[in-house]
C-alpha atoms as a PDB file:
ATOM      1  CA  MET A   1      71.069 108.419  84.465  1.00  0.00           C
ATOM      2  CA  THR A   2      72.066 105.462  82.529  1.00  0.00           C
ATOM      3  CA  GLU A   3      70.806 103.810  79.085  1.00  0.00           C
ATOM      4  CA  MET A   4      68.729 100.597  80.036  1.00  0.00           C
ATOM      5  CA  ASN A   5      66.642  98.405  78.342  1.00  0.00           C
ATOM      6  CA  MET A   6      63.533  96.980  80.131  1.00  0.00           C
ATOM      7  CA  VAL A   7      65.419  93.788  81.358  1.00  0.00           C
ATOM      8  CA  GLN A   8      68.411  96.064  82.517  1.00  0.00           C
ATOM      9  CA  ALA A   9      65.612  98.580  84.329  1.00  0.00           C
ATOM     10  CA  ILE A  10      64.053  95.623  85.999  1.00  0.00           C
ATOM     11  CA  ASN A  11      67.308  94.044  87.341  1.00  0.00           C
ATOM     12  CA  SER A  12      68.074  97.469  88.413  1.00  0.00           C
ATOM     13  CA  ALA A  13      64.855  97.916  90.687  1.00  0.00           C
ATOM     14  CA  LEU A  14      65.388  94.307  92.057  1.00  0.00           C
ATOM     15  CA  ASP A  15      69.252  94.865  92.911  1.00  0.00           C
ATOM     16  CA  THR A  16      68.385  98.248  94.527  1.00  0.00           C
ATOM     17  CA  MET A  17      65.542  96.735  96.659  1.00  0.00           C
ATOM     18  CA  LEU A  18      67.684  94.085  97.959  1.00  0.00           C
ATOM     19  CA  THR A  19      70.442  96.107  98.858  1.00  0.00           C
ATOM     20  CA  ASN A  20      67.859  98.923 100.466  1.00  0.00           C
ATOM     21  CA  ASP A  21      66.005  96.194 102.411  1.00  0.00           C
ATOM     22  CA  PRO A  22      67.095  93.195 104.167  1.00  0.00           C
ATOM     23  CA  ASN A  23      63.540  91.748 104.146  1.00  0.00           C
ATOM     24  CA  VAL A  24      63.311  91.719 100.344  1.00  0.00           C
ATOM     25  CA  LEU A  25      63.751  88.338  98.868  1.00  0.00           C
ATOM     26  CA  LEU A  26      63.701  87.272  95.253  1.00  0.00           C
ATOM     27  CA  PHE A  27      62.638  83.739  94.014  1.00  0.00           C
ATOM     28  CA  GLY A  28      61.023  81.707  91.255  1.00  0.00           C
ATOM     29  CA  GLU A  29      61.872  79.186  88.558  1.00  0.00           C
ATOM     30  CA  ASP A  30      65.463  79.776  87.415  1.00  0.00           C
ATOM     31  CA  VAL A  31      65.825  83.262  88.984  1.00  0.00           C
ATOM     32  CA  GLY A  32      68.888  82.310  90.983  1.00  0.00           C
ATOM     33  CA  TYR A  33      72.032  80.966  89.316  1.00  0.00           C
ATOM     34  CA  PHE A  34      70.647  81.086  86.041  1.00  0.00           C
ATOM     35  CA  GLY A  35      69.320  84.811  86.305  1.00  0.00           C
ATOM     36  CA  GLY A  36      65.814  83.966  84.863  1.00  0.00           C
ATOM     37  CA  VAL A  37      65.017  82.805  81.415  1.00  0.00           C
ATOM     38  CA  PHE A  38      64.722  86.601  80.221  1.00  0.00           C
ATOM     39  CA  ARG A  39      67.847  87.736  82.447  1.00  0.00           C
ATOM     40  CA  THR A  40      65.867  89.715  84.671  1.00  0.00           C
ATOM     41  CA  SER A  41      67.815  88.690  87.582  1.00  0.00           C
ATOM     42  CA  ASP A  42      71.157  88.111  85.906  1.00  0.00           C
ATOM     43  CA  GLY A  43      73.876  88.563  88.837  1.00  0.00           C
ATOM     44  CA  LEU A  44      71.850  89.061  91.670  1.00  0.00           C
ATOM     45  CA  GLN A  45      72.148  85.661  93.643  1.00  0.00           C
ATOM     46  CA  GLU A  46      76.002  86.179  93.166  1.00  0.00           C
ATOM     47  CA  LYS A  47      75.665  89.673  94.487  1.00  0.00           C
ATOM     48  CA  HIS A  48      73.118  89.164  97.288  1.00  0.00           C
ATOM     49  CA  GLY A  49      73.423  85.359  98.178  1.00  0.00           C
ATOM     50  CA  ALA A  50      71.381  82.520  97.733  1.00  0.00           C
ATOM     51  CA  HIS A  51      69.617  82.718 100.900  1.00  0.00           C
ATOM     52  CA  ARG A  52      67.986  85.970  99.228  1.00  0.00           C
ATOM     53  CA  VAL A  53      67.832  85.021  95.376  1.00  0.00           C
ATOM     54  CA  PHE A  54      66.965  81.625  95.064  1.00  0.00           C
ATOM     55  CA  ASP A  55      65.330  78.977  92.734  1.00  0.00           C
ATOM     56  CA  THR A  56      62.073  77.101  93.168  1.00  0.00           C
ATOM     57  CA  PRO A  57      60.346  73.694  91.897  1.00  0.00           C
ATOM     58  CA  LEU A  58      58.278  74.229  89.005  1.00  0.00           C
ATOM     59  CA  ALA A  59      55.027  74.568  91.199  1.00  0.00           C
ATOM     60  CA  GLU A  60      53.437  78.104  90.896  1.00  0.00           C
ATOM     61  CA  GLY A  61      50.994  77.501  93.731  1.00  0.00           C
ATOM     62  CA  GLY A  62      53.940  76.872  95.934  1.00  0.00           C
ATOM     63  CA  ILE A  63      55.472  79.697  95.081  1.00  0.00           C
ATOM     64  CA  ALA A  64      52.705  81.950  95.641  1.00  0.00           C
ATOM     65  CA  ALA A  65      52.172  80.005  99.264  1.00  0.00           C
ATOM     66  CA  ILE A  66      55.813  80.457 100.131  1.00  0.00           C
ATOM     67  CA  ALA A  67      55.354  84.330  99.273  1.00  0.00           C
ATOM     68  CA  PHE A  68      52.072  84.433 101.002  1.00  0.00           C
ATOM     69  CA  GLY A  69      53.799  82.987 104.326  1.00  0.00           C
ATOM     70  CA  MET A  70      56.852  85.231 104.254  1.00  0.00           C
ATOM     71  CA  GLY A  71      54.853  88.394 103.615  1.00  0.00           C
ATOM     72  CA  LEU A  72      52.583  87.545 106.834  1.00  0.00           C
ATOM     73  CA  ASN A  73      55.758  87.009 108.796  1.00  0.00           C
ATOM     74  CA  GLY A  74      57.496  90.632 107.891  1.00  0.00           C
ATOM     75  CA  LEU A  75      59.331  89.867 104.893  1.00  0.00           C
ATOM     76  CA  ARG A  76      58.824  91.519 101.570  1.00  0.00           C
ATOM     77  CA  PRO A  77      59.057  88.556  99.022  1.00  0.00           C
ATOM     78  CA  VAL A  78      59.151  89.250  95.251  1.00  0.00           C
ATOM     79  CA  CYS A  79      58.245  85.839  93.494  1.00  0.00           C
ATOM     80  CA  GLU A  80      58.649  85.543  89.820  1.00  0.00           C
ATOM     81  CA  ILE A  81      56.034  83.334  87.466  1.00  0.00           C
ATOM     82  CA  GLN A  82      58.065  82.656  84.788  1.00  0.00           C
ATOM     83  CA  PHE A  83      55.209  83.267  82.222  1.00  0.00           C
ATOM     84  CA  ALA A  84      51.866  84.869  82.796  1.00  0.00           C
ATOM     85  CA  ASP A  85      50.386  81.794  80.862  1.00  0.00           C
ATOM     86  CA  TYR A  86      51.223  79.740  83.921  1.00  0.00           C
ATOM     87  CA  ILE A  87      50.267  82.048  86.856  1.00  0.00           C
ATOM     88  CA  PHE A  88      46.752  80.105  87.312  1.00  0.00           C
ATOM     89  CA  PRO A  89      48.242  77.073  89.421  1.00  0.00           C
ATOM     90  CA  ALA A  90      48.690  80.033  91.778  1.00  0.00           C
ATOM     91  CA  TYR A  91      45.306  81.674  90.820  1.00  0.00           C
ATOM     92  CA  ASP A  92      43.958  80.181  94.383  1.00  0.00           C
ATOM     93  CA  GLN A  93      46.683  81.295  96.587  1.00  0.00           C
ATOM     94  CA  ILE A  94      46.717  84.794  95.173  1.00  0.00           C
ATOM     95  CA  VAL A  95      43.116  85.810  94.891  1.00  0.00           C
ATOM     96  CA  ASN A  96      41.875  83.703  98.017  1.00  0.00           C
ATOM     97  CA  GLU A  97      44.713  84.087 100.390  1.00  0.00           C
ATOM     98  CA  ILE A  98      47.021  86.712  99.508  1.00  0.00           C
ATOM     99  CA  ALA A  99      44.509  89.343  98.310  1.00  0.00           C
ATOM    100  CA  LYS A 100      41.905  88.591 101.225  1.00  0.00           C
ATOM    101  CA  LEU A 101      44.121  88.688 104.433  1.00  0.00           C
ATOM    102  CA  ARG A 102      44.162  92.640 105.278  1.00  0.00           C
ATOM    103  CA  HIS A 103      40.366  92.515 104.993  1.00  0.00           C
ATOM    104  CA  ARG A 104      39.775  89.053 106.799  1.00  0.00           C
ATOM    105  CA  SER A 105      42.050  89.929 109.647  1.00  0.00           C
ATOM    106  CA  GLY A 106      40.274  93.270 110.089  1.00  0.00           C
ATOM    107  CA  GLY A 107      43.850  94.993 108.982  1.00  0.00           C
ATOM    108  CA  GLU A 108      45.628  93.143 111.830  1.00  0.00           C
ATOM    109  CA  PHE A 109      47.674  91.540 108.926  1.00  0.00           C
ATOM    110  CA  TRP A 110      48.874  92.275 105.676  1.00  0.00           C
ATOM    111  CA  THR A 111      50.685  90.739 103.027  1.00  0.00           C
ATOM    112  CA  PRO A 112      53.608  92.900 101.183  1.00  0.00           C
ATOM    113  CA  VAL A 113      53.706  90.143  98.349  1.00  0.00           C
ATOM    114  CA  THR A 114      55.058  91.045  94.809  1.00  0.00           C
ATOM    115  CA  ILE A 115      54.242  88.813  91.698  1.00  0.00           C
ATOM    116  CA  ARG A 116      56.449  89.671  88.886  1.00  0.00           C
ATOM    117  CA  THR A 117      55.230  87.930  85.670  1.00  0.00           C
ATOM    118  CA  PRO A 118      56.179  88.555  81.674  1.00  0.00           C
ATOM    119  CA  ALA A 119      52.931  88.615  79.698  1.00  0.00           C
ATOM    120  CA  GLY A 120      51.660  89.378  76.150  1.00  0.00           C
ATOM    121  CA  GLY A 121      52.489  88.440  72.957  1.00  0.00           C
ATOM    122  CA  GLY A 122      55.002  89.409  70.015  1.00  0.00           C
ATOM    123  CA  ILE A 123      57.587  86.707  70.245  1.00  0.00           C
ATOM    124  CA  ARG A 124      55.650  83.927  68.590  1.00  0.00           C
ATOM    125  CA  GLY A 125      55.195  82.081  71.896  1.00  0.00           C
ATOM    126  CA  GLY A 126      51.963  80.542  71.027  1.00  0.00           C
ATOM    127  CA  HIS A 127      48.798  79.463  73.017  1.00  0.00           C
ATOM    128  CA  HIS A 128      50.881  78.884  76.265  1.00  0.00           C
ATOM    129  CA  HIS A 129      53.586  81.720  76.236  1.00  0.00           C
ATOM    130  CA  SER A 130      51.871  84.831  74.917  1.00  0.00           C
ATOM    131  CA  GLN A 131      48.678  85.558  77.130  1.00  0.00           C
ATOM    132  CA  SER A 132      47.706  88.644  79.010  1.00  0.00           C
ATOM    133  CA  PRO A 133      45.578  87.724  81.578  1.00  0.00           C
ATOM    134  CA  GLU A 134      45.523  91.058  83.627  1.00  0.00           C
ATOM    135  CA  SER A 135      41.759  91.305  83.712  1.00  0.00           C
ATOM    136  CA  GLN A 136      41.438  88.325  85.705  1.00  0.00           C
ATOM    137  CA  PHE A 137      43.431  89.974  88.801  1.00  0.00           C
ATOM    138  CA  THR A 138      41.804  93.467  88.247  1.00  0.00           C
ATOM    139  CA  HIS A 139      38.617  91.502  89.255  1.00  0.00           C
ATOM    140  CA  THR A 140      39.869  90.737  92.588  1.00  0.00           C
ATOM    141  CA  PRO A 141      39.461  93.479  95.381  1.00  0.00           C
ATOM    142  CA  GLY A 142      42.737  93.324  97.493  1.00  0.00           C
ATOM    143  CA  LEU A 143      45.116  93.287  94.767  1.00  0.00           C
ATOM    144  CA  LYS A 144      46.942  96.058  93.122  1.00  0.00           C
ATOM    145  CA  VAL A 145      47.808  95.577  89.268  1.00  0.00           C
ATOM    146  CA  VAL A 146      50.567  97.557  87.276  1.00  0.00           C
ATOM    147  CA  TYR A 147      51.856  97.113  83.900  1.00  0.00           C
ATOM    148  CA  ALA A 148      55.071  98.415  82.551  1.00  0.00           C
ATOM    149  CA  SER A 149      55.699  99.699  78.929  1.00  0.00           C
ATOM    150  CA  THR A 150      58.941 101.162  79.208  1.00  0.00           C
ATOM    151  CA  PRO A 151      62.764 100.935  81.174  1.00  0.00           C
ATOM    152  CA  TYR A 152      61.785 103.848  83.281  1.00  0.00           C
ATOM    153  CA  ASN A 153      58.023 103.044  84.570  1.00  0.00           C
ATOM    154  CA  ALA A 154      59.500  99.231  84.647  1.00  0.00           C
ATOM    155  CA  LYS A 155      61.787 100.233  87.265  1.00  0.00           C
ATOM    156  CA  GLY A 156      59.638 102.751  89.073  1.00  0.00           C
ATOM    157  CA  LEU A 157      56.708 100.731  89.095  1.00  0.00           C
ATOM    158  CA  LEU A 158      58.218  97.629  90.536  1.00  0.00           C
ATOM    159  CA  ILE A 159      59.922  99.601  93.160  1.00  0.00           C
ATOM    160  CA  SER A 160      56.474 101.121  94.588  1.00  0.00           C
ATOM    161  CA  ALA A 161      55.133  97.336  94.262  1.00  0.00           C
ATOM    162  CA  ILE A 162      58.190  96.142  96.319  1.00  0.00           C
ATOM    163  CA  GLU A 163      57.470  98.986  98.965  1.00  0.00           C
ATOM    164  CA  SER A 164      53.547  98.561  98.755  1.00  0.00           C
ATOM    165  CA  ASP A 165      52.182  96.907 102.132  1.00  0.00           C
ATOM    166  CA  ASP A 166      49.629  95.465  99.943  1.00  0.00           C
ATOM    167  CA  PRO A 167      50.041  92.709  97.206  1.00  0.00           C
ATOM    168  CA  VAL A 168      50.883  93.806  93.699  1.00  0.00           C
ATOM    169  CA  VAL A 169      50.721  91.765  90.424  1.00  0.00           C
ATOM    170  CA  VAL A 170      53.257  93.169  88.072  1.00  0.00           C
ATOM    171  CA  PHE A 171      52.661  92.421  84.422  1.00  0.00           C
ATOM    172  CA  GLU A 172      56.078  92.705  82.324  1.00  0.00           C
ATOM    173  CA  PRO A 173      55.543  92.942  78.521  1.00  0.00           C
ATOM    174  CA  LYS A 174      58.253  90.612  77.219  1.00  0.00           C
ATOM    175  CA  ARG A 175      57.976  92.168  73.962  1.00  0.00           C
ATOM    176  CA  CYS A 176      59.608  95.157  75.305  1.00  0.00           C
ATOM    177  CA  TYR A 177      61.935  93.636  77.117  1.00  0.00           C
ATOM    178  CA  ARG A 178      64.805  94.074  74.724  1.00  0.00           C
ATOM    179  CA  GLY A 179      63.192  95.862  71.427  1.00  0.00           C
ATOM    180  CA  PRO A 180      63.079  96.723  68.936  1.00  0.00           C
ATOM    181  CA  PHE A 181      60.084  95.106  66.887  1.00  0.00           C
ATOM    182  CA  TYR A 182      61.127  93.617  63.706  1.00  0.00           C
ATOM    183  CA  GLY A 183      58.783  91.938  60.924  1.00  0.00           C
ATOM    184  CA  ASP A 184      56.576  92.731  58.053  1.00  0.00           C
ATOM    185  CA  PRO A 185      55.792  96.722  57.695  1.00  0.00           C
ATOM    186  CA  HIS A 186      52.530  96.393  56.702  1.00  0.00           C
ATOM    187  CA  ASN A 187      51.383  94.503  59.853  1.00  0.00           C
ATOM    188  CA  VAL A 188      54.158  94.287  62.236  1.00  0.00           C
ATOM    189  CA  PRO A 189      54.885  97.297  64.182  1.00  0.00           C
ATOM    190  CA  THR A 190      58.143  98.764  63.888  1.00  0.00           C
ATOM    191  CA  TRP A 191      59.562 100.083  67.289  1.00  0.00           C
ATOM    192  CA  SER A 192      58.941 103.771  67.658  1.00  0.00           C
ATOM    193  CA  GLY A 193      62.193 104.906  69.160  1.00  0.00           C
ATOM    194  CA  HIS A 194      64.905 102.825  70.880  1.00  0.00           C
ATOM    195  CA  SER A 195      65.002  99.841  73.291  1.00  0.00           C
ATOM    196  CA  GLU A 196      66.961 101.910  75.658  1.00  0.00           C
ATOM    197  CA  ALA A 197      66.017 104.814  77.637  1.00  0.00           C
ATOM    198  CA  ASP A 198      67.621 106.986  80.513  1.00  0.00           C
ATOM    199  CA  VAL A 199      66.858 105.314  83.802  1.00  0.00           C
ATOM    200  CA  PRO A 200      68.318 106.690  87.383  1.00  0.00           C
ATOM    201  CA  GLU A 201      70.567 104.134  88.764  1.00  0.00           C
ATOM    202  CA  GLY A 202      69.290 104.572  92.083  1.00  0.00           C
ATOM    203  CA  HIS A 203      65.946 104.712  93.914  1.00  0.00           C
ATOM    204  CA  TYR A 204      63.146 106.378  92.643  1.00  0.00           C
ATOM    205  CA  ASN A 205      59.472 105.142  92.043  1.00  0.00           C
ATOM    206  CA  ILE A 206      56.246 106.044  89.965  1.00  0.00           C
ATOM    207  CA  PRO A 207      52.923 105.994  92.106  1.00  0.00           C
ATOM    208  CA  ILE A 208      50.750 103.169  91.807  1.00  0.00           C
ATOM    209  CA  GLY A 209      47.444 104.763  90.192  1.00  0.00           C
ATOM    210  CA  GLN A 210      49.434 107.266  88.223  1.00  0.00           C
ATOM    211  CA  ALA A 211      48.783 107.363  84.459  1.00  0.00           C
ATOM    212  CA  ARG A 212      51.416 108.689  81.956  1.00  0.00           C
ATOM    213  CA  LEU A 213      50.427 110.842  78.943  1.00  0.00           C
ATOM    214  CA  ALA A 214      52.804 109.464  76.159  1.00  0.00           C
ATOM    215  CA  MET A 215      51.570 111.700  73.354  1.00  0.00           C
ATOM    216  CA  GLN A 216      49.516 114.728  73.575  1.00  0.00           C
ATOM    217  CA  GLY A 217      46.831 115.900  71.184  1.00  0.00           C
ATOM    218  CA  HIS A 218      43.310 117.130  70.599  1.00  0.00           C
ATOM    219  CA  ASP A 219      41.545 115.030  68.330  1.00  0.00           C
ATOM    220  CA  CYS A 220      40.899 111.901  70.108  1.00  0.00           C
ATOM    221  CA  THR A 221      42.234 110.186  73.653  1.00  0.00           C
ATOM    222  CA  VAL A 222      43.758 106.793  73.337  1.00  0.00           C
ATOM    223  CA  ILE A 223      44.354 104.575  76.134  1.00  0.00           C
ATOM    224  CA  ALA A 224      46.571 101.602  76.234  1.00  0.00           C
ATOM    225  CA  TRP A 225      49.254  99.580  78.254  1.00  0.00           C
ATOM    226  CA  GLY A 226      52.288  97.619  77.954  1.00  0.00           C
ATOM    227  CA  THR A 227      53.277  96.943  74.499  1.00  0.00           C
ATOM    228  CA  MET A 228      50.092  98.479  72.919  1.00  0.00           C
ATOM    229  CA  VAL A 229      51.489 101.522  74.119  1.00  0.00           C
ATOM    230  CA  HIS A 230      54.344 101.603  71.228  1.00  0.00           C
ATOM    231  CA  VAL A 231      51.780 100.269  68.621  1.00  0.00           C
ATOM    232  CA  CYS A 232      49.540 103.027  69.274  1.00  0.00           C
ATOM    233  CA  GLU A 233      52.073 105.769  68.937  1.00  0.00           C
ATOM    234  CA  GLN A 234      53.050 104.255  65.382  1.00  0.00           C
ATOM    235  CA  ALA A 235      49.277 104.074  64.660  1.00  0.00           C
ATOM    236  CA  ILE A 236      48.452 107.700  65.899  1.00  0.00           C
ATOM    237  CA  LYS A 237      51.428 108.892  63.471  1.00  0.00           C
ATOM    238  CA  GLU A 238      50.004 106.609  60.589  1.00  0.00           C
ATOM    239  CA  SER A 239      46.379 108.199  61.176  1.00  0.00           C
ATOM    240  CA  GLY A 240      47.374 111.659  60.710  1.00  0.00           C
ATOM    241  CA  THR A 241      45.600 112.578  63.717  1.00  0.00           C
ATOM    242  CA  SER A 242      46.453 114.521  66.976  1.00  0.00           C
ATOM    243  CA  CYS A 243      45.653 112.174  70.065  1.00  0.00           C
ATOM    244  CA  ASP A 244      46.259 112.101  73.478  1.00  0.00           C
ATOM    245  CA  LEU A 245      47.812 108.728  74.261  1.00  0.00           C
ATOM    246  CA  ILE A 246      47.551 107.597  77.676  1.00  0.00           C
ATOM    247  CA  ASP A 247      50.017 104.964  79.410  1.00  0.00           C
ATOM    248  CA  LEU A 248      47.789 103.505  81.934  1.00  0.00           C
ATOM    249  CA  GLN A 249      50.657 102.009  83.694  1.00  0.00           C
ATOM    250  CA  SER A 250      48.565 100.955  86.819  1.00  0.00           C
ATOM    251  CA  LEU A 251      45.261  99.147  86.151  1.00  0.00           C
ATOM    252  CA  VAL A 252      44.256  98.672  89.744  1.00  0.00           C
ATOM    253  CA  PRO A 253      43.991 101.522  90.754  1.00  0.00           C
ATOM    254  CA  TRP A 254      43.799 103.040  87.635  1.00  0.00           C
ATOM    255  CA  ASP A 255      44.053 107.091  87.215  1.00  0.00           C
ATOM    256  CA  LYS A 256      40.271 108.180  86.421  1.00  0.00           C
ATOM    257  CA  ASN A 257      40.884 111.719  86.619  1.00  0.00           C
ATOM    258  CA  ALA A 258      43.567 111.694  83.823  1.00  0.00           C
ATOM    259  CA  VAL A 259      41.574 109.593  81.485  1.00  0.00           C
ATOM    260  CA  VAL A 260      38.240 112.004  82.048  1.00  0.00           C
ATOM    261  CA  GLU A 261      40.051 115.171  81.706  1.00  0.00           C
ATOM    262  CA  SER A 262      41.706 114.060  78.379  1.00  0.00           C
ATOM    263  CA  VAL A 263      38.248 112.293  77.058  1.00  0.00           C
ATOM    264  CA  ASN A 264      36.180 115.577  78.434  1.00  0.00           C
ATOM    265  CA  ARG A 265      38.626 117.697  76.274  1.00  0.00           C
ATOM    266  CA  THR A 266      38.981 115.546  73.230  1.00  0.00           C
ATOM    267  CA  GLY A 267      35.376 114.334  73.272  1.00  0.00           C
ATOM    268  CA  ARG A 268      36.259 110.550  71.655  1.00  0.00           C
ATOM    269  CA  CYS A 269      38.135 107.727  73.084  1.00  0.00           C
ATOM    270  CA  VAL A 270      39.793 104.427  71.662  1.00  0.00           C
ATOM    271  CA  ILE A 271      40.727 101.683  74.118  1.00  0.00           C
ATOM    272  CA  VAL A 272      43.503  99.107  72.834  1.00  0.00           C
ATOM    273  CA  HIS A 273      45.064  95.981  74.665  1.00  0.00           C
ATOM    274  CA  GLU A 274      46.167  92.738  73.733  1.00  0.00           C
ATOM    275  CA  ALA A 275      43.966  90.570  75.495  1.00  0.00           C
ATOM    276  CA  PRO A 276      40.476  89.013  74.185  1.00  0.00           C
ATOM    277  CA  LYS A 277      37.735  91.742  73.621  1.00  0.00           C
ATOM    278  CA  THR A 278      35.121  89.888  76.037  1.00  0.00           C
ATOM    279  CA  SER A 279      35.457  90.675  79.591  1.00  0.00           C
ATOM    280  CA  GLY A 280      38.913  92.562  79.030  1.00  0.00           C
ATOM    281  CA  PHE A 281      39.736  95.361  81.203  1.00  0.00           C
ATOM    282  CA  GLY A 282      38.736  97.642  78.384  1.00  0.00           C
ATOM    283  CA  ALA A 283      35.333  97.066  78.741  1.00  0.00           C
ATOM    284  CA  GLU A 284      35.519  98.283  82.594  1.00  0.00           C
ATOM    285  CA  MET A 285      37.248 101.558  81.186  1.00  0.00           C
ATOM    286  CA  ALA A 286      35.054 102.014  78.405  1.00  0.00           C
ATOM    287  CA  ALA A 287      31.932 101.792  81.275  1.00  0.00           C
ATOM    288  CA  SER A 288      33.746 104.033  83.686  1.00  0.00           C
ATOM    289  CA  VAL A 289      34.336 106.718  80.938  1.00  0.00           C
ATOM    290  CA  GLN A 290      30.672 106.536  79.601  1.00  0.00           C
ATOM    291  CA  GLU A 291      29.373 107.013  83.226  1.00  0.00           C
ATOM    292  CA  ARG A 292      32.089 110.111  83.868  1.00  0.00           C
ATOM    293  CA  CYS A 293      31.945 111.680  80.216  1.00  0.00           C
ATOM    294  CA  PHE A 294      28.760 110.763  78.675  1.00  0.00           C
ATOM    295  CA  TRP A 295      27.721 114.633  77.926  1.00  0.00           C
ATOM    296  CA  LYS A 296      31.123 115.342  76.332  1.00  0.00           C
ATOM    297  CA  LEU A 297      31.271 112.241  73.918  1.00  0.00           C
ATOM    298  CA  GLU A 298      31.146 113.089  70.410  1.00  0.00           C
ATOM    299  CA  ALA A 299      31.194 109.381  69.485  1.00  0.00           C
ATOM    300  CA  PRO A 300      30.993 105.833  70.684  1.00  0.00           C
ATOM    301  CA  ILE A 301      33.889 104.503  72.721  1.00  0.00           C
ATOM    302  CA  LYS A 302      35.779 101.862  70.569  1.00  0.00           C
ATOM    303  CA  ARG A 303      37.725  99.174  71.624  1.00  0.00           C
ATOM    304  CA  VAL A 304      40.568  97.533  69.610  1.00  0.00           C
ATOM    305  CA  THR A 305      41.585  94.172  71.151  1.00  0.00           C
ATOM    306  CA  GLY A 306      42.814  90.847  70.395  1.00  0.00           C
ATOM    307  CA  TRP A 307      40.268  88.320  69.325  1.00  0.00           C
ATOM    308  CA  ASP A 308      37.936  86.059  71.462  1.00  0.00           C
ATOM    309  CA  THR A 309      40.183  82.909  70.358  1.00  0.00           C
ATOM    310  CA  PRO A 310      43.143  81.303  71.872  1.00  0.00           C
ATOM    311  CA  PHE A 311      46.233  83.097  71.092  1.00  0.00           C
ATOM    312  CA  PRO A 312      47.862  81.722  67.710  1.00  0.00           C
ATOM    313  CA  HIS A 313      51.231  81.007  67.092  1.00  0.00           C
ATOM    314  CA  THR A 314      52.456  81.882  63.266  1.00  0.00           C
ATOM    315  CA  THR A 315      49.859  84.306  62.912  1.00  0.00           C
ATOM    316  CA  GLU A 316      50.189  86.578  65.919  1.00  0.00           C
ATOM    317  CA  TRP A 317      50.050  90.064  64.345  1.00  0.00           C
ATOM    318  CA  ASP A 318      46.872  89.277  62.981  1.00  0.00           C
ATOM    319  CA  TYR A 319      45.479  88.643  66.392  1.00  0.00           C
ATOM    320  CA  MET A 320      47.257  91.144  68.083  1.00  0.00           C
ATOM    321  CA  PRO A 321      46.089  95.067  67.504  1.00  0.00           C
ATOM    322  CA  SER A 322      48.015  96.252  64.668  1.00  0.00           C
ATOM    323  CA  PRO A 323      49.025 100.051  63.888  1.00  0.00           C
ATOM    324  CA  HIS A 324      46.728  99.385  60.690  1.00  0.00           C
ATOM    325  CA  ARG A 325      43.672  98.380  62.961  1.00  0.00           C
ATOM    326  CA  ILE A 326      44.063 100.903  65.997  1.00  0.00           C
ATOM    327  CA  ALA A 327      44.834 103.923  63.198  1.00  0.00           C
ATOM    328  CA  GLU A 328      41.369 102.807  61.550  1.00  0.00           C
ATOM    329  CA  ALA A 329      39.288 102.788  64.729  1.00  0.00           C
ATOM    330  CA  ILE A 330      40.837 106.524  65.391  1.00  0.00           C
ATOM    331  CA  ARG A 331      39.572 107.559  61.931  1.00  0.00           C
ATOM    332  CA  GLU A 332      36.036 105.989  62.504  1.00  0.00           C
ATOM    333  CA  THR A 333      35.847 107.768  65.865  1.00  0.00           C
ATOM    334  CA  LEU A 334      36.441 111.166  64.113  1.00  0.00           C
ATOM    335  CA  GLU A 335      33.811 110.523  61.712  1.00  0.00           C
ATOM    336  CA  GLY A 336      31.145 109.484  64.036  1.00  0.00           C
END
């Protein structure tokens, strides 16, 4: 075990897979010589060569199209979209080509493509560097979607994604890359723990579709992913309650058994995500929980989310779910 932050853990995952499998390639904007804008690929071009770790033009549609062709021809491409906000020029290639090939070919062909992208707010990135567009990909059959929250699951999920024969979109919360949180303690979360964690140096994976129980309790089930897992940890402590906190880790497929078991036991459920409320993935989860846990629910399911507005710049923690908003929702659920 070695202490790593999330950037180092992602770098370790990429290094492990480039070393273990000659069919793995890594490419994207500035990922080669520069090592990526967040340094997640630092040193990998020097170690593995420019033919396997290389830069591309600023053309996300082209990046995804190249990955599609490589995957179709037996390679395991890992492409980086520099910010999730700029994944939309590649949306057609991801949704209409990469996600559909196994189905349209009757299983004759497949595309083991991994698409990595930093997502979410908390770094004052403004409108175009802070969005969480995960629900726009969870709606697409043929794609798997994962969302890391810790150095340990960032590495394990990324290795699983690269080993998958189906395409996987990997969201990495840029606010958790290095940690810790800083800011006004009345509104901005402080990091609940350390930015580093013990991470195995070699190969390991976390199965896609498996949730993580981050906290255990009996009053309420709180469900989150990405940065919000850490914010929820702080909120639960501030609320003075005892809650299960489920780090979903994988959005498609998601761990229905873990969620249903917890909600049936606690009788209450709060779902938290950064993305806007309307049509966010929390809506799908709320509907699924209602279908499966109706007779055990003691109060309506609550969602704590970003607002239905563009992501602001200077007031981002008034937009993102704060510990205070989440704690208030937990208390209201317990009073319901």
